[in-house]
Amino acid sequence: AEVRTLAVDDAMRGRGVGHAILEHIIERAHEVGVARIFCLTFETEF
């Protein structure tokens, strides 16, 4: 599966919002049986 369109309102950046969204997406991937997730990103550290 692919993580797509992960974005946080600029006023909320740095508050763990992106982390919470990505964790939810990863959990969902587990639920549907996906073994690998990829993304195309500039946010390599994140």
PDB file of all heavy atoms in Angstrom:
ATOM      1  N   ALA A   1       0.855  -1.191   0.000  1.00  0.00           N
ATOM      2  CA  ALA A   1       0.000   0.000   0.000  1.00  0.00           C
ATOM      3  C   ALA A   1       0.890   1.239   0.000  1.00  0.00           C
ATOM      4  O   ALA A   1       2.082   1.168   0.304  1.00  0.00           O
ATOM      5  CB  ALA A   1      -0.912   0.016   1.215  1.00  0.00           C
ATOM      6  N   GLU A   2       0.279   2.367  -0.327  1.00  0.00           N
ATOM      7  CA  GLU A   2       0.985   3.644  -0.353  1.00  0.00           C
ATOM      8  C   GLU A   2       0.357   4.599   0.647  1.00  0.00           C
ATOM      9  O   GLU A   2      -0.863   4.687   0.746  1.00  0.00           O
ATOM     10  CB  GLU A   2       0.900   4.255  -1.756  1.00  0.00           C
ATOM     11  CG  GLU A   2       1.581   5.608  -1.865  1.00  0.00           C
ATOM     12  CD  GLU A   2       1.424   6.247  -3.232  1.00  0.00           C
ATOM     13  OE1 GLU A   2       0.703   5.699  -4.090  1.00  0.00           O
ATOM     14  OE2 GLU A   2       2.023   7.311  -3.444  1.00  0.00           O
ATOM     15  N   VAL A   3       1.198   5.317   1.373  1.00  0.00           N
ATOM     16  CA  VAL A   3       0.735   6.445   2.172  1.00  0.00           C
ATOM     17  C   VAL A   3       0.671   7.622   1.213  1.00  0.00           C
ATOM     18  O   VAL A   3       1.661   7.963   0.570  1.00  0.00           O
ATOM     19  CB  VAL A   3       1.702   6.773   3.327  1.00  0.00           C
ATOM     20  CG1 VAL A   3       1.241   8.030   4.066  1.00  0.00           C
ATOM     21  CG2 VAL A   3       1.824   5.594   4.276  1.00  0.00           C
ATOM     22  N   ARG A   4      -0.518   8.218   1.087  1.00  0.00           N
ATOM     23  CA  ARG A   4      -0.713   9.338   0.178  1.00  0.00           C
ATOM     24  C   ARG A   4      -1.212  10.568   0.932  1.00  0.00           C
ATOM     25  O   ARG A   4      -1.913  10.456   1.926  1.00  0.00           O
ATOM     26  CB  ARG A   4      -1.755   9.004  -0.897  1.00  0.00           C
ATOM     27  CG  ARG A   4      -1.297   7.994  -1.903  1.00  0.00           C
ATOM     28  CD  ARG A   4      -2.336   7.827  -2.999  1.00  0.00           C
ATOM     29  NE  ARG A   4      -1.803   6.973  -4.056  1.00  0.00           N
ATOM     30  CZ  ARG A   4      -2.485   6.598  -5.116  1.00  0.00           C
ATOM     31  NH1 ARG A   4      -3.738   7.002  -5.285  1.00  0.00           N
ATOM     32  NH2 ARG A   4      -1.942   5.825  -6.030  1.00  0.00           N
ATOM     33  N   THR A   5      -0.837  11.709   0.425  1.00  0.00           N
ATOM     34  CA  THR A   5      -1.446  12.974   0.803  1.00  0.00           C
ATOM     35  C   THR A   5      -1.408  13.222   2.316  1.00  0.00           C
ATOM     36  O   THR A   5      -2.355  13.715   2.899  1.00  0.00           O
ATOM     37  CB  THR A   5      -2.905  13.051   0.281  1.00  0.00           C
ATOM     38  OG1 THR A   5      -2.979  12.475  -1.019  1.00  0.00           O
ATOM     39  CG2 THR A   5      -3.387  14.475   0.195  1.00  0.00           C
ATOM     40  N   LEU A   6      -0.283  12.892   2.954  1.00  0.00           N
ATOM     41  CA  LEU A   6      -0.128  13.173   4.376  1.00  0.00           C
ATOM     42  C   LEU A   6       0.275  14.632   4.528  1.00  0.00           C
ATOM     43  O   LEU A   6       1.345  15.041   4.057  1.00  0.00           O
ATOM     44  CB  LEU A   6       0.919  12.246   5.002  1.00  0.00           C
ATOM     45  CG  LEU A   6       1.154  12.393   6.502  1.00  0.00           C
ATOM     46  CD1 LEU A   6      -0.134  12.195   7.292  1.00  0.00           C
ATOM     47  CD2 LEU A   6       2.196  11.405   6.971  1.00  0.00           C
ATOM     48  N   ALA A   7      -0.592  15.424   5.141  1.00  0.00           N
ATOM     49  CA  ALA A   7      -0.355  16.861   5.274  1.00  0.00           C
ATOM     50  C   ALA A   7      -1.024  17.391   6.531  1.00  0.00           C
ATOM     51  O   ALA A   7      -2.082  16.913   6.920  1.00  0.00           O
ATOM     52  CB  ALA A   7      -0.893  17.597   4.045  1.00  0.00           C
ATOM     53  N   VAL A   8      -0.390  18.376   7.139  1.00  0.00           N
ATOM     54  CA  VAL A   8      -0.889  18.985   8.364  1.00  0.00           C
ATOM     55  C   VAL A   8      -0.953  20.489   8.155  1.00  0.00           C
ATOM     56  O   VAL A   8      -0.039  21.085   7.576  1.00  0.00           O
ATOM     57  CB  VAL A   8       0.042  18.646   9.557  1.00  0.00           C
ATOM     58  CG1 VAL A   8      -0.394  19.374  10.825  1.00  0.00           C
ATOM     59  CG2 VAL A   8       0.082  17.140   9.787  1.00  0.00           C
ATOM     60  N   ASP A   9      -2.036  21.101   8.625  1.00  0.00           N
ATOM     61  CA  ASP A   9      -2.166  22.548   8.579  1.00  0.00           C
ATOM     62  C   ASP A   9      -0.915  23.180   9.185  1.00  0.00           C
ATOM     63  O   ASP A   9      -0.445  22.755  10.235  1.00  0.00           O
ATOM     64  CB  ASP A   9      -3.420  22.959   9.377  1.00  0.00           C
ATOM     65  CG  ASP A   9      -3.689  24.429   9.298  1.00  0.00           C
ATOM     66  OD1 ASP A   9      -2.997  25.198   9.999  1.00  0.00           O
ATOM     67  OD2 ASP A   9      -4.605  24.825   8.552  1.00  0.00           O
ATOM     68  N   ASP A  10      -0.361  24.180   8.491  1.00  0.00           N
ATOM     69  CA  ASP A  10       0.895  24.794   8.943  1.00  0.00           C
ATOM     70  C   ASP A  10       0.844  25.249  10.397  1.00  0.00           C
ATOM     71  O   ASP A  10       1.843  25.152  11.109  1.00  0.00           O
ATOM     72  CB  ASP A  10       1.273  25.968   8.035  1.00  0.00           C
ATOM     73  CG  ASP A  10       2.017  25.525   6.786  1.00  0.00           C
ATOM     74  OD1 ASP A  10       2.596  24.414   6.793  1.00  0.00           O
ATOM     75  OD2 ASP A  10       2.026  26.284   5.801  1.00  0.00           O
ATOM     76  N   ALA A  11      -0.284  25.744  10.855  1.00  0.00           N
ATOM     77  CA  ALA A  11      -0.411  26.213  12.235  1.00  0.00           C
ATOM     78  C   ALA A  11      -0.296  25.073  13.248  1.00  0.00           C
ATOM     79  O   ALA A  11      -0.041  25.321  14.429  1.00  0.00           O
ATOM     80  CB  ALA A  11      -1.741  26.949  12.420  1.00  0.00           C
ATOM     81  N   MET A  12      -0.455  23.841  12.794  1.00  0.00           N
ATOM     82  CA  MET A  12      -0.429  22.680  13.696  1.00  0.00           C
ATOM     83  C   MET A  12       0.834  21.835  13.558  1.00  0.00           C
ATOM     84  O   MET A  12       0.985  20.837  14.262  1.00  0.00           O
ATOM     85  CB  MET A  12      -1.657  21.805  13.440  1.00  0.00           C
ATOM     86  CG  MET A  12      -2.986  22.484  13.738  1.00  0.00           C
ATOM     87  SD  MET A  12      -3.148  23.001  15.465  1.00  0.00           S
ATOM     88  CE  MET A  12      -3.254  21.410  16.267  1.00  0.00           C
ATOM     89  N   ARG A  13       1.731  22.233  12.664  1.00  0.00           N
ATOM     90  CA  ARG A  13       2.960  21.458  12.471  1.00  0.00           C
ATOM     91  C   ARG A  13       3.791  21.455  13.752  1.00  0.00           C
ATOM     92  O   ARG A  13       3.821  22.423  14.489  1.00  0.00           O
ATOM     93  CB  ARG A  13       3.761  22.013  11.305  1.00  0.00           C
ATOM     94  CG  ARG A  13       3.111  21.688   9.965  1.00  0.00           C
ATOM     95  CD  ARG A  13       3.905  22.250   8.814  1.00  0.00           C
ATOM     96  NE  ARG A  13       5.247  21.696   8.779  1.00  0.00           N
ATOM     97  CZ  ARG A  13       5.695  20.850   7.871  1.00  0.00           C
ATOM     98  NH1 ARG A  13       4.903  20.466   6.908  1.00  0.00           N
ATOM     99  NH2 ARG A  13       6.923  20.415   7.913  1.00  0.00           N
ATOM    100  N   GLY A  14       4.458  20.330  13.996  1.00  0.00           N
ATOM    101  CA  GLY A  14       5.323  20.203  15.167  1.00  0.00           C
ATOM    102  C   GLY A  14       4.582  19.845  16.446  1.00  0.00           C
ATOM    103  O   GLY A  14       5.174  19.856  17.521  1.00  0.00           O
ATOM    104  N   ARG A  15       3.320  19.495  16.349  1.00  0.00           N
ATOM    105  CA  ARG A  15       2.513  19.173  17.535  1.00  0.00           C
ATOM    106  C   ARG A  15       2.110  17.703  17.587  1.00  0.00           C
ATOM    107  O   ARG A  15       1.228  17.322  18.346  1.00  0.00           O
ATOM    108  CB  ARG A  15       1.262  20.032  17.571  1.00  0.00           C
ATOM    109  CG  ARG A  15       1.577  21.511  17.684  1.00  0.00           C
ATOM    110  CD  ARG A  15       0.310  22.293  17.834  1.00  0.00           C
ATOM    111  NE  ARG A  15       0.579  23.716  17.811  1.00  0.00           N
ATOM    112  CZ  ARG A  15      -0.332  24.634  18.031  1.00  0.00           C
ATOM    113  NH1 ARG A  15      -1.577  24.272  18.288  1.00  0.00           N
ATOM    114  NH2 ARG A  15      -0.021  25.900  17.980  1.00  0.00           N
ATOM    115  N   GLY A  16       2.693  16.863  16.736  1.00  0.00           N
ATOM    116  CA  GLY A  16       2.393  15.433  16.762  1.00  0.00           C
ATOM    117  C   GLY A  16       1.193  15.020  15.923  1.00  0.00           C
ATOM    118  O   GLY A  16       0.801  13.856  15.949  1.00  0.00           O
ATOM    119  N   VAL A  17       0.618  15.954  15.165  1.00  0.00           N
ATOM    120  CA  VAL A  17      -0.558  15.647  14.360  1.00  0.00           C
ATOM    121  C   VAL A  17      -0.201  14.668  13.239  1.00  0.00           C
ATOM    122  O   VAL A  17      -0.888  13.672  13.029  1.00  0.00           O
ATOM    123  CB  VAL A  17      -1.202  16.932  13.803  1.00  0.00           C
ATOM    124  CG1 VAL A  17      -2.357  16.613  12.860  1.00  0.00           C
ATOM    125  CG2 VAL A  17      -1.669  17.837  14.945  1.00  0.00           C
ATOM    126  N   GLY A  18       0.870  14.944  12.505  1.00  0.00           N
ATOM    127  CA  GLY A  18       1.302  14.052  11.432  1.00  0.00           C
ATOM    128  C   GLY A  18       1.636  12.668  11.961  1.00  0.00           C
ATOM    129  O   GLY A  18       1.292  11.652  11.351  1.00  0.00           O
ATOM    130  N   HIS A  19       2.289  12.627  13.114  1.00  0.00           N
ATOM    131  CA  HIS A  19       2.630  11.355  13.750  1.00  0.00           C
ATOM    132  C   HIS A  19       1.356  10.550  14.035  1.00  0.00           C
ATOM    133  O   HIS A  19       1.273   9.366  13.728  1.00  0.00           O
ATOM    134  CB  HIS A  19       3.404  11.608  15.050  1.00  0.00           C
ATOM    135  CG  HIS A  19       3.528  10.402  15.933  1.00  0.00           C
ATOM    136  ND1 HIS A  19       4.427   9.393  15.681  1.00  0.00           N
ATOM    137  CD2 HIS A  19       2.846  10.029  17.041  1.00  0.00           C
ATOM    138  CE1 HIS A  19       4.303   8.449  16.606  1.00  0.00           C
ATOM    139  NE2 HIS A  19       3.351   8.819  17.444  1.00  0.00           N
ATOM    140  N   ALA A  20       0.345  11.213  14.610  1.00  0.00           N
ATOM    141  CA  ALA A  20      -0.902  10.526  14.961  1.00  0.00           C
ATOM    142  C   ALA A  20      -1.609  10.004  13.710  1.00  0.00           C
ATOM    143  O   ALA A  20      -2.136   8.888  13.705  1.00  0.00           O
ATOM    144  CB  ALA A  20      -1.816  11.464  15.752  1.00  0.00           C
ATOM    145  N   ILE A  21      -1.622  10.808  12.653  1.00  0.00           N
ATOM    146  CA  ILE A  21      -2.254  10.373  11.400  1.00  0.00           C
ATOM    147  C   ILE A  21      -1.516   9.177  10.822  1.00  0.00           C
ATOM    148  O   ILE A  21      -2.130   8.177  10.440  1.00  0.00           O
ATOM    149  CB  ILE A  21      -2.299  11.529  10.377  1.00  0.00           C
ATOM    150  CG1 ILE A  21      -3.244  12.631  10.863  1.00  0.00           C
ATOM    151  CG2 ILE A  21      -2.725  11.012   8.998  1.00  0.00           C
ATOM    152  CD1 ILE A  21      -3.140  13.917  10.056  1.00  0.00           C
ATOM    153  N   LEU A  22      -0.180   9.248  10.754  1.00  0.00           N
ATOM    154  CA  LEU A  22       0.598   8.148  10.184  1.00  0.00           C
ATOM    155  C   LEU A  22       0.440   6.879  11.006  1.00  0.00           C
ATOM    156  O   LEU A  22       0.314   5.788  10.444  1.00  0.00           O
ATOM    157  CB  LEU A  22       2.068   8.534  10.038  1.00  0.00           C
ATOM    158  CG  LEU A  22       2.955   7.500   9.353  1.00  0.00           C
ATOM    159  CD1 LEU A  22       2.425   7.114   7.972  1.00  0.00           C
ATOM    160  CD2 LEU A  22       4.394   8.017   9.242  1.00  0.00           C
ATOM    161  N   GLU A  23       0.426   6.980  12.318  1.00  0.00           N
ATOM    162  CA  GLU A  23       0.217   5.799  13.156  1.00  0.00           C
ATOM    163  C   GLU A  23      -1.152   5.168  12.877  1.00  0.00           C
ATOM    164  O   GLU A  23      -1.279   3.942  12.818  1.00  0.00           O
ATOM    165  CB  GLU A  23       0.366   6.145  14.646  1.00  0.00           C
ATOM    166  CG  GLU A  23       1.804   6.405  15.047  1.00  0.00           C
ATOM    167  CD  GLU A  23       2.718   5.217  14.807  1.00  0.00           C
ATOM    168  OE1 GLU A  23       2.355   4.084  15.178  1.00  0.00           O
ATOM    169  OE2 GLU A  23       3.812   5.418  14.237  1.00  0.00           O
ATOM    170  N   HIS A  24      -2.166   5.991  12.677  1.00  0.00           N
ATOM    171  CA  HIS A  24      -3.502   5.482  12.344  1.00  0.00           C
ATOM    172  C   HIS A  24      -3.479   4.769  10.996  1.00  0.00           C
ATOM    173  O   HIS A  24      -4.080   3.706  10.829  1.00  0.00           O
ATOM    174  CB  HIS A  24      -4.496   6.652  12.330  1.00  0.00           C
ATOM    175  CG  HIS A  24      -5.923   6.233  12.216  1.00  0.00           C
ATOM    176  ND1 HIS A  24      -6.551   6.039  11.008  1.00  0.00           N
ATOM    177  CD2 HIS A  24      -6.851   5.961  13.174  1.00  0.00           C
ATOM    178  CE1 HIS A  24      -7.796   5.670  11.217  1.00  0.00           C
ATOM    179  NE2 HIS A  24      -8.012   5.621  12.515  1.00  0.00           N
ATOM    180  N   ILE A  25      -2.766   5.338  10.026  1.00  0.00           N
ATOM    181  CA  ILE A  25      -2.652   4.737   8.688  1.00  0.00           C
ATOM    182  C   ILE A  25      -1.921   3.400   8.774  1.00  0.00           C
ATOM    183  O   ILE A  25      -2.339   2.413   8.162  1.00  0.00           O
ATOM    184  CB  ILE A  25      -1.964   5.707   7.713  1.00  0.00           C
ATOM    185  CG1 ILE A  25      -2.912   6.880   7.406  1.00  0.00           C
ATOM    186  CG2 ILE A  25      -1.521   4.996   6.437  1.00  0.00           C
ATOM    187  CD1 ILE A  25      -2.255   8.017   6.638  1.00  0.00           C
ATOM    188  N   ILE A  26      -0.841   3.348   9.540  1.00  0.00           N
ATOM    189  CA  ILE A  26      -0.088   2.101   9.705  1.00  0.00           C
ATOM    190  C   ILE A  26      -0.958   1.040  10.374  1.00  0.00           C
ATOM    191  O   ILE A  26      -0.967  -0.130   9.963  1.00  0.00           O
ATOM    192  CB  ILE A  26       1.221   2.346  10.487  1.00  0.00           C
ATOM    193  CG1 ILE A  26       2.186   3.184   9.632  1.00  0.00           C
ATOM    194  CG2 ILE A  26       1.864   1.028  10.921  1.00  0.00           C
ATOM    195  CD1 ILE A  26       3.392   3.713  10.394  1.00  0.00           C
ATOM    196  N   GLU A  27      -1.697   1.441  11.384  1.00  0.00           N
ATOM    197  CA  GLU A  27      -2.624   0.513  12.061  1.00  0.00           C
ATOM    198  C   GLU A  27      -3.662  -0.014  11.078  1.00  0.00           C
ATOM    199  O   GLU A  27      -3.974  -1.203  11.054  1.00  0.00           O
ATOM    200  CB  GLU A  27      -3.302   1.236  13.218  1.00  0.00           C
ATOM    201  CG  GLU A  27      -4.234   0.374  14.033  1.00  0.00           C
ATOM    202  CD  GLU A  27      -4.849   1.174  15.174  1.00  0.00           C
ATOM    203  OE1 GLU A  27      -4.092   1.834  15.914  1.00  0.00           O
ATOM    204  OE2 GLU A  27      -6.086   1.140  15.314  1.00  0.00           O
ATOM    205  N   ARG A  28      -4.198   0.853  10.250  1.00  0.00           N
ATOM    206  CA  ARG A  28      -5.184   0.450   9.237  1.00  0.00           C
ATOM    207  C   ARG A  28      -4.555  -0.537   8.250  1.00  0.00           C
ATOM    208  O   ARG A  28      -5.190  -1.511   7.843  1.00  0.00           O
ATOM    209  CB  ARG A  28      -5.724   1.687   8.513  1.00  0.00           C
ATOM    210  CG  ARG A  28      -6.736   1.380   7.451  1.00  0.00           C
ATOM    211  CD  ARG A  28      -8.048   0.875   8.040  1.00  0.00           C
ATOM    212  NE  ARG A  28      -8.959   0.564   6.948  1.00  0.00           N
ATOM    213  CZ  ARG A  28      -9.651  -0.552   6.850  1.00  0.00           C
ATOM    214  NH1 ARG A  28      -9.581  -1.463   7.790  1.00  0.00           N
ATOM    215  NH2 ARG A  28     -10.433  -0.765   5.825  1.00  0.00           N
ATOM    216  N   ALA A  29      -3.310  -0.292   7.855  1.00  0.00           N
ATOM    217  CA  ALA A  29      -2.613  -1.205   6.941  1.00  0.00           C
ATOM    218  C   ALA A  29      -2.512  -2.599   7.557  1.00  0.00           C
ATOM    219  O   ALA A  29      -2.742  -3.602   6.874  1.00  0.00           O
ATOM    220  CB  ALA A  29      -1.229  -0.661   6.604  1.00  0.00           C
ATOM    221  N   HIS A  30      -2.198  -2.656   8.853  1.00  0.00           N
ATOM    222  CA  HIS A  30      -2.165  -3.945   9.552  1.00  0.00           C
ATOM    223  C   HIS A  30      -3.528  -4.614   9.489  1.00  0.00           C
ATOM    224  O   HIS A  30      -3.629  -5.814   9.213  1.00  0.00           O
ATOM    225  CB  HIS A  30      -1.780  -3.769  11.024  1.00  0.00           C
ATOM    226  CG  HIS A  30      -0.317  -3.664  11.278  1.00  0.00           C
ATOM    227  ND1 HIS A  30       0.535  -4.731  11.157  1.00  0.00           N
ATOM    228  CD2 HIS A  30       0.438  -2.611  11.664  1.00  0.00           C
ATOM    229  CE1 HIS A  30       1.766  -4.348  11.458  1.00  0.00           C
ATOM    230  NE2 HIS A  30       1.739  -3.057  11.760  1.00  0.00           N
ATOM    231  N   GLU A  31      -4.583  -3.849   9.744  1.00  0.00           N
ATOM    232  CA  GLU A  31      -5.946  -4.394   9.780  1.00  0.00           C
ATOM    233  C   GLU A  31      -6.366  -5.012   8.455  1.00  0.00           C
ATOM    234  O   GLU A  31      -7.078  -6.012   8.434  1.00  0.00           O
ATOM    235  CB  GLU A  31      -6.952  -3.299  10.161  1.00  0.00           C
ATOM    236  CG  GLU A  31      -6.851  -2.851  11.594  1.00  0.00           C
ATOM    237  CD  GLU A  31      -7.714  -1.629  11.875  1.00  0.00           C
ATOM    238  OE1 GLU A  31      -8.391  -1.111  10.961  1.00  0.00           O
ATOM    239  OE2 GLU A  31      -7.706  -1.179  13.033  1.00  0.00           O
ATOM    240  N   VAL A  32      -5.953  -4.398   7.336  1.00  0.00           N
ATOM    241  CA  VAL A  32      -6.367  -4.920   6.028  1.00  0.00           C
ATOM    242  C   VAL A  32      -5.399  -5.961   5.480  1.00  0.00           C
ATOM    243  O   VAL A  32      -5.632  -6.517   4.414  1.00  0.00           O
ATOM    244  CB  VAL A  32      -6.613  -3.791   4.987  1.00  0.00           C
ATOM    245  CG1 VAL A  32      -7.729  -2.878   5.439  1.00  0.00           C
ATOM    246  CG2 VAL A  32      -5.349  -3.035   4.666  1.00  0.00           C
ATOM    247  N   GLY A  33      -4.302  -6.231   6.194  1.00  0.00           N
ATOM    248  CA  GLY A  33      -3.402  -7.305   5.815  1.00  0.00           C
ATOM    249  C   GLY A  33      -2.227  -6.917   4.942  1.00  0.00           C
ATOM    250  O   GLY A  33      -1.580  -7.784   4.353  1.00  0.00           O
ATOM    251  N   VAL A  34      -1.927  -5.637   4.871  1.00  0.00           N
ATOM    252  CA  VAL A  34      -0.789  -5.180   4.067  1.00  0.00           C
ATOM    253  C   VAL A  34       0.507  -5.470   4.818  1.00  0.00           C
ATOM    254  O   VAL A  34       0.586  -5.282   6.030  1.00  0.00           O
ATOM    255  CB  VAL A  34      -0.924  -3.665   3.769  1.00  0.00           C
ATOM    256  CG1 VAL A  34       0.326  -3.112   3.137  1.00  0.00           C
ATOM    257  CG2 VAL A  34      -2.139  -3.414   2.896  1.00  0.00           C
ATOM    258  N   ALA A  35       1.537  -5.922   4.102  1.00  0.00           N
ATOM    259  CA  ALA A  35       2.820  -6.234   4.725  1.00  0.00           C
ATOM    260  C   ALA A  35       3.868  -5.136   4.509  1.00  0.00           C
ATOM    261  O   ALA A  35       4.856  -5.075   5.230  1.00  0.00           O
ATOM    262  CB  ALA A  35       3.358  -7.552   4.182  1.00  0.00           C
ATOM    263  N   ARG A  36       3.643  -4.291   3.496  1.00  0.00           N
ATOM    264  CA  ARG A  36       4.615  -3.237   3.181  1.00  0.00           C
ATOM    265  C   ARG A  36       3.866  -1.955   2.813  1.00  0.00           C
ATOM    266  O   ARG A  36       2.852  -1.997   2.127  1.00  0.00           O
ATOM    267  CB  ARG A  36       5.504  -3.641   2.007  1.00  0.00           C
ATOM    268  CG  ARG A  36       6.286  -4.919   2.265  1.00  0.00           C
ATOM    269  CD  ARG A  36       7.065  -5.384   1.063  1.00  0.00           C
ATOM    270  NE  ARG A  36       6.171  -5.665  -0.060  1.00  0.00           N
ATOM    271  CZ  ARG A  36       6.533  -5.614  -1.335  1.00  0.00           C
ATOM    272  NH1 ARG A  36       7.767  -5.286  -1.667  1.00  0.00           N
ATOM    273  NH2 ARG A  36       5.677  -5.884  -2.297  1.00  0.00           N
ATOM    274  N   ILE A  37       4.411  -0.827   3.269  1.00  0.00           N
ATOM    275  CA  ILE A  37       3.845   0.483   2.924  1.00  0.00           C
ATOM    276  C   ILE A  37       4.964   1.322   2.332  1.00  0.00           C
ATOM    277  O   ILE A  37       6.069   1.350   2.862  1.00  0.00           O
ATOM    278  CB  ILE A  37       3.302   1.218   4.163  1.00  0.00           C
ATOM    279  CG1 ILE A  37       2.323   0.375   4.946  1.00  0.00           C
ATOM    280  CG2 ILE A  37       2.649   2.525   3.756  1.00  0.00           C
ATOM    281  CD1 ILE A  37       1.888   1.040   6.238  1.00  0.00           C
ATOM    282  N   PHE A  38       4.659   2.027   1.244  1.00  0.00           N
ATOM    283  CA  PHE A  38       5.663   2.919   0.673  1.00  0.00           C
ATOM    284  C   PHE A  38       5.096   4.326   0.587  1.00  0.00           C
ATOM    285  O   PHE A  38       3.899   4.563   0.733  1.00  0.00           O
ATOM    286  CB  PHE A  38       6.146   2.398  -0.693  1.00  0.00           C
ATOM    287  CG  PHE A  38       5.465   3.011  -1.873  1.00  0.00           C
ATOM    288  CD1 PHE A  38       6.039   4.080  -2.543  1.00  0.00           C
ATOM    289  CD2 PHE A  38       4.251   2.530  -2.318  1.00  0.00           C
ATOM    290  CE1 PHE A  38       5.413   4.645  -3.631  1.00  0.00           C
ATOM    291  CE2 PHE A  38       3.617   3.083  -3.404  1.00  0.00           C
ATOM    292  CZ  PHE A  38       4.198   4.155  -4.070  1.00  0.00           C
ATOM    293  N   CYS A  39       5.992   5.284   0.397  1.00  0.00           N
ATOM    294  CA  CYS A  39       5.582   6.670   0.189  1.00  0.00           C
ATOM    295  C   CYS A  39       6.599   7.351  -0.721  1.00  0.00           C
ATOM    296  O   CYS A  39       7.730   6.889  -0.854  1.00  0.00           O
ATOM    297  CB  CYS A  39       5.467   7.427   1.516  1.00  0.00           C
ATOM    298  SG  CYS A  39       7.020   7.576   2.408  1.00  0.00           S
ATOM    299  N   LEU A  40       6.171   8.415  -1.358  1.00  0.00           N
ATOM    300  CA  LEU A  40       7.047   9.326  -2.085  1.00  0.00           C
ATOM    301  C   LEU A  40       7.029  10.618  -1.280  1.00  0.00           C
ATOM    302  O   LEU A  40       5.962  11.213  -1.110  1.00  0.00           O
ATOM    303  CB  LEU A  40       6.537   9.571  -3.507  1.00  0.00           C
ATOM    304  CG  LEU A  40       6.574   8.376  -4.444  1.00  0.00           C
ATOM    305  CD1 LEU A  40       5.786   8.662  -5.721  1.00  0.00           C
ATOM    306  CD2 LEU A  40       8.011   8.032  -4.793  1.00  0.00           C
ATOM    307  N   THR A  41       8.172  11.061  -0.761  1.00  0.00           N
ATOM    308  CA  THR A  41       8.152  12.157   0.199  1.00  0.00           C
ATOM    309  C   THR A  41       9.415  13.010   0.166  1.00  0.00           C
ATOM    310  O   THR A  41      10.479  12.554  -0.247  1.00  0.00           O
ATOM    311  CB  THR A  41       7.953  11.599   1.627  1.00  0.00           C
ATOM    312  OG1 THR A  41       7.803  12.676   2.544  1.00  0.00           O
ATOM    313  CG2 THR A  41       9.123  10.720   2.044  1.00  0.00           C
ATOM    314  N   PHE A  42       9.259  14.247   0.610  1.00  0.00           N
ATOM    315  CA  PHE A  42      10.397  15.117   0.917  1.00  0.00           C
ATOM    316  C   PHE A  42      10.734  15.004   2.400  1.00  0.00           C
ATOM    317  O   PHE A  42      11.808  15.404   2.822  1.00  0.00           O
ATOM    318  CB  PHE A  42      10.056  16.584   0.616  1.00  0.00           C
ATOM    319  CG  PHE A  42       9.909  16.880  -0.844  1.00  0.00           C
ATOM    320  CD1 PHE A  42       8.671  17.210  -1.375  1.00  0.00           C
ATOM    321  CD2 PHE A  42      10.999  16.831  -1.697  1.00  0.00           C
ATOM    322  CE1 PHE A  42       8.529  17.492  -2.718  1.00  0.00           C
ATOM    323  CE2 PHE A  42      10.867  17.110  -3.037  1.00  0.00           C
ATOM    324  CZ  PHE A  42       9.626  17.443  -3.553  1.00  0.00           C
ATOM    325  N   GLU A  43       9.810  14.496   3.191  1.00  0.00           N
ATOM    326  CA  GLU A  43       9.948  14.438   4.646  1.00  0.00           C
ATOM    327  C   GLU A  43      10.607  13.132   5.071  1.00  0.00           C
ATOM    328  O   GLU A  43      10.035  12.334   5.810  1.00  0.00           O
ATOM    329  CB  GLU A  43       8.575  14.612   5.312  1.00  0.00           C
ATOM    330  CG  GLU A  43       7.853  15.883   4.932  1.00  0.00           C
ATOM    331  CD  GLU A  43       8.540  17.148   5.440  1.00  0.00           C
ATOM    332  OE1 GLU A  43       9.298  17.061   6.440  1.00  0.00           O
ATOM    333  OE2 GLU A  43       8.332  18.211   4.836  1.00  0.00           O
ATOM    334  N   THR A  44      11.835  12.917   4.599  1.00  0.00           N
ATOM    335  CA  THR A  44      12.517  11.641   4.852  1.00  0.00           C
ATOM    336  C   THR A  44      12.818  11.424   6.331  1.00  0.00           C
ATOM    337  O   THR A  44      12.752  10.288   6.809  1.00  0.00           O
ATOM    338  CB  THR A  44      13.813  11.542   4.031  1.00  0.00           C
ATOM    339  OG1 THR A  44      14.635  12.674   4.320  1.00  0.00           O
ATOM    340  CG2 THR A  44      13.509  11.496   2.539  1.00  0.00           C
ATOM    341  N   GLU A  45      13.136  12.479   7.064  1.00  0.00           N
ATOM    342  CA  GLU A  45      13.409  12.313   8.496  1.00  0.00           C
ATOM    343  C   GLU A  45      12.138  11.901   9.238  1.00  0.00           C
ATOM    344  O   GLU A  45      12.179  11.019  10.095  1.00  0.00           O
ATOM    345  CB  GLU A  45      13.986  13.597   9.090  1.00  0.00           C
ATOM    346  CG  GLU A  45      15.406  13.862   8.654  1.00  0.00           C
ATOM    347  CD  GLU A  45      15.991  15.103   9.313  1.00  0.00           C
ATOM    348  OE1 GLU A  45      15.537  15.478  10.422  1.00  0.00           O
ATOM    349  OE2 GLU A  45      16.899  15.690   8.716  1.00  0.00           O
ATOM    350  N   PHE A  46      11.021  12.531   8.923  1.00  0.00           N
ATOM    351  CA  PHE A  46       9.747  12.188   9.557  1.00  0.00           C
ATOM    352  C   PHE A  46       9.405  10.727   9.309  1.00  0.00           C
ATOM    353  O   PHE A  46       9.141   9.972  10.245  1.00  0.00           O
ATOM    354  CB  PHE A  46       8.632  13.105   9.028  1.00  0.00           C
ATOM    355  CG  PHE A  46       7.251  12.686   9.460  1.00  0.00           C
ATOM    356  CD1 PHE A  46       6.789  12.985  10.733  1.00  0.00           C
ATOM    357  CD2 PHE A  46       6.421  11.993   8.592  1.00  0.00           C
ATOM    358  CE1 PHE A  46       5.514  12.592  11.138  1.00  0.00           C
ATOM    359  CE2 PHE A  46       5.150  11.606   8.982  1.00  0.00           C
ATOM    360  CZ  PHE A  46       4.692  11.903  10.264  1.00  0.00           C
TER     361      PHE A  46
END
